[in-house]
């Protein structure tokens, strides 16, 4: 199948599919005219990548997961370790976002929101507070 068909069937934009090929995540065959020819296995890997990216895994994590997926002798603890590390990164990001929300909430409360030019939000961002 061509890249357009692969895009429709995988749910990924054609540009993303080409990028995944460029960085070596997938390697479709080429027809004699040079066009990409995606197999059923390529489509399966594209769907795998779409799902992994949807779970927030980065490109290098996807590369690791793909290698583990292709390795029939893999140990499940290796896959689990990737997922555990990813959850830890998510938890850290959640903490950072909660701290940002708390800080912004406090700044919003401190702001009069009137016609005066003084603004504790801008002062804080500028480091004046």
Protein backbone atom coordinates (compact mmCIF):
# COMPACT_ATOMS: atom_id res chain seq x y z
CA UNK A 1 0.00 0.00 0.00
CA UNK A 2 1.15 3.56 -0.59
CA UNK A 3 1.71 6.18 2.08
CA UNK A 4 -1.79 7.63 1.67
CA UNK A 5 -3.39 4.24 2.26
CA UNK A 6 -1.08 3.59 5.20
CA UNK A 7 -2.02 6.98 6.65
CA UNK A 8 -5.74 6.31 6.35
CA UNK A 9 -5.49 2.82 7.78
CA UNK A 10 -3.10 3.68 10.62
CA UNK A 11 -4.66 6.99 11.64
CA UNK A 12 -1.33 8.78 11.28
CA UNK A 13 -0.60 11.71 8.95
CA UNK A 14 1.51 10.81 5.90
CA UNK A 15 4.09 13.37 7.05
CA UNK A 16 4.46 11.52 10.37
CA UNK A 17 4.85 8.20 8.58
CA UNK A 18 7.60 9.65 6.39
CA UNK A 19 9.29 11.05 9.50
CA UNK A 20 9.17 7.64 11.20
CA UNK A 21 10.88 6.20 8.15
CA UNK A 22 13.47 9.00 8.10
CA UNK A 23 14.46 8.30 11.73
CA UNK A 24 14.48 4.54 11.23
CA UNK A 25 11.39 3.47 13.18
CA UNK A 26 9.94 1.77 10.11
CA UNK A 27 11.47 0.67 6.82
CA UNK A 28 8.91 0.07 4.07
CA UNK A 29 9.93 -1.59 0.84
CA UNK A 30 10.36 0.50 -2.29
CA UNK A 31 8.73 -0.27 -5.61
CA UNK A 32 10.75 -0.10 -8.81
CA UNK A 33 9.44 3.43 -9.35
CA UNK A 34 10.80 4.46 -5.92
CA UNK A 35 7.45 4.73 -4.18
CA UNK A 36 7.10 3.38 -0.68
CA UNK A 37 5.24 0.09 -0.38
CA UNK A 38 3.83 -0.51 3.11
CA UNK A 39 3.12 -4.10 4.07
CA UNK A 40 0.56 -5.38 6.56
CA UNK A 41 3.42 -5.67 9.07
CA UNK A 42 4.43 -2.04 8.44
CA UNK A 43 0.82 -1.01 9.04
CA UNK A 44 0.79 -2.99 12.28
CA UNK A 45 3.97 -1.20 13.42
CA UNK A 46 2.47 2.19 12.49
CA UNK A 47 -0.60 1.46 14.59
CA UNK A 48 1.70 0.33 17.40
CA UNK A 49 3.60 3.64 17.16
CA UNK A 50 0.38 5.68 17.07
CA UNK A 51 -0.79 4.00 20.25
CA UNK A 52 2.60 4.34 21.99
CA UNK A 53 2.79 8.04 21.09
CA UNK A 54 -0.81 8.44 22.26
CA UNK A 55 0.32 7.14 25.65
CA UNK A 56 2.96 9.85 25.68
CA UNK A 57 6.04 7.77 24.96
CA UNK A 58 8.82 9.78 23.33
CA UNK A 59 10.52 8.79 20.10
CA UNK A 60 13.44 7.06 21.81
CA UNK A 61 11.08 5.21 24.12
CA UNK A 62 9.11 4.14 21.04
CA UNK A 63 12.33 2.95 19.44
CA UNK A 64 13.03 0.85 22.54
CA UNK A 65 9.48 -0.48 22.67
CA UNK A 66 9.56 -1.38 18.97
CA UNK A 67 12.83 -3.25 19.44
CA UNK A 68 11.38 -5.11 22.40
CA UNK A 69 8.18 -5.85 20.48
CA UNK A 70 10.13 -7.29 17.57
CA UNK A 71 12.34 -9.38 19.88
CA UNK A 72 10.41 -12.56 20.59
CA UNK A 73 13.02 -13.50 23.24
CA UNK A 74 12.52 -10.28 25.19
CA UNK A 75 11.97 -10.31 28.92
CA UNK A 76 8.74 -8.69 30.02
CA UNK A 77 10.60 -6.94 32.85
CA UNK A 78 12.46 -4.92 30.19
CA UNK A 79 9.15 -3.68 28.78
CA UNK A 80 7.83 -3.04 32.27
CA UNK A 81 10.91 -0.97 33.12
CA UNK A 82 10.24 1.34 30.16
CA UNK A 83 6.61 1.77 31.26
CA UNK A 84 7.56 2.34 34.91
CA UNK A 85 10.08 5.02 33.93
CA UNK A 86 7.45 6.67 31.74
CA UNK A 87 4.92 6.74 34.57
CA UNK A 88 7.54 8.31 36.83
CA UNK A 89 8.13 11.02 34.21
CA UNK A 90 4.36 11.59 33.95
CA UNK A 91 4.09 11.88 37.73
CA UNK A 92 6.91 14.42 37.75
CA UNK A 93 5.21 16.44 35.02
CA UNK A 94 1.92 16.35 36.93
CA UNK A 95 3.71 17.70 40.03
CA UNK A 96 5.29 20.48 37.97
CA UNK A 97 1.94 21.39 36.43
CA UNK A 98 0.25 21.42 39.84
CA UNK A 99 2.96 23.73 41.18
CA UNK A 100 2.51 26.04 38.18
CA UNK A 101 -1.24 26.06 38.73
CA UNK A 102 -0.82 26.89 42.42
CA UNK A 103 1.59 29.74 41.67
CA UNK A 104 -0.62 31.19 38.94
CA UNK A 105 -3.68 30.89 41.18
CA UNK A 106 -1.91 32.87 43.90
CA UNK A 107 -0.83 35.51 41.40
CA UNK A 108 -4.35 35.80 40.01
CA UNK A 109 -5.69 36.27 43.54
CA UNK A 110 -3.08 39.00 44.18
CA UNK A 111 -3.99 40.85 40.98
CA UNK A 112 -6.61 43.59 41.37
CA UNK A 113 -7.74 43.20 37.78
CA UNK A 114 -8.61 46.87 37.53
CA UNK A 115 -7.43 49.78 35.37
CA UNK A 116 -4.26 50.39 37.40
CA UNK A 117 -0.95 49.48 35.71
CA UNK A 118 0.58 47.61 38.65
CA UNK A 119 0.35 43.88 38.09
CA UNK A 120 1.71 41.19 40.44
CA UNK A 121 1.51 38.61 37.64
CA UNK A 122 3.89 40.55 35.39
CA UNK A 123 6.05 41.49 38.37
CA UNK A 124 6.49 37.85 39.28
CA UNK A 125 7.26 36.79 35.72
CA UNK A 126 9.83 39.60 35.53
CA UNK A 127 11.35 38.48 38.81
CA UNK A 128 10.43 41.71 40.60
CA UNK A 129 8.47 39.99 43.38
